[in-house]
Amino acid sequence: SLQRLIQLSEVLTCVKEEAKGSLPHWTGELEELQELVIQDLAESVQYCQSDTLAQILEIWHGSEDFWSQHTEFAEAIAKRIEELLLEFTDTTEILQTFQAALSAPGLVKCLSERATE
């Protein structure tokens, strides 16, 4: 479920942050699990409500390098934001999602580069 993917995301990002000082703790298996979670999230964000999408963006704020490696995920998020804009007449309902997206500068840069291609 989406909630489980979010929980796994939180754990993985915390473990990765903690492991920065001692790389042996971030294993190939954890990297593989992270990739699977991101792949599943890329397929699941189309069903997210605005607040859930904002939560995902806060967890996976990522660098430009992260987003350039996960373009499917970035594009799925951008598509869902576009859909949310069409669904809501009151944009204050998706303001948190916009703020979360803008606080992920790697995401914005990745998407803007792809848009100019």
Foldseek 3Di string as FASTA:
>chain_A
DLVVLLVLLQVLLVQVVVCPVPVVSCDPVSVVVVVVSLVVQLVVVLVDDLVSLLSVLQSPLDALVVCLVSVSSLVSSVVSVVVNVVVDPDCVRNVSSVVSNVSSVSSVVNVVVVVVD
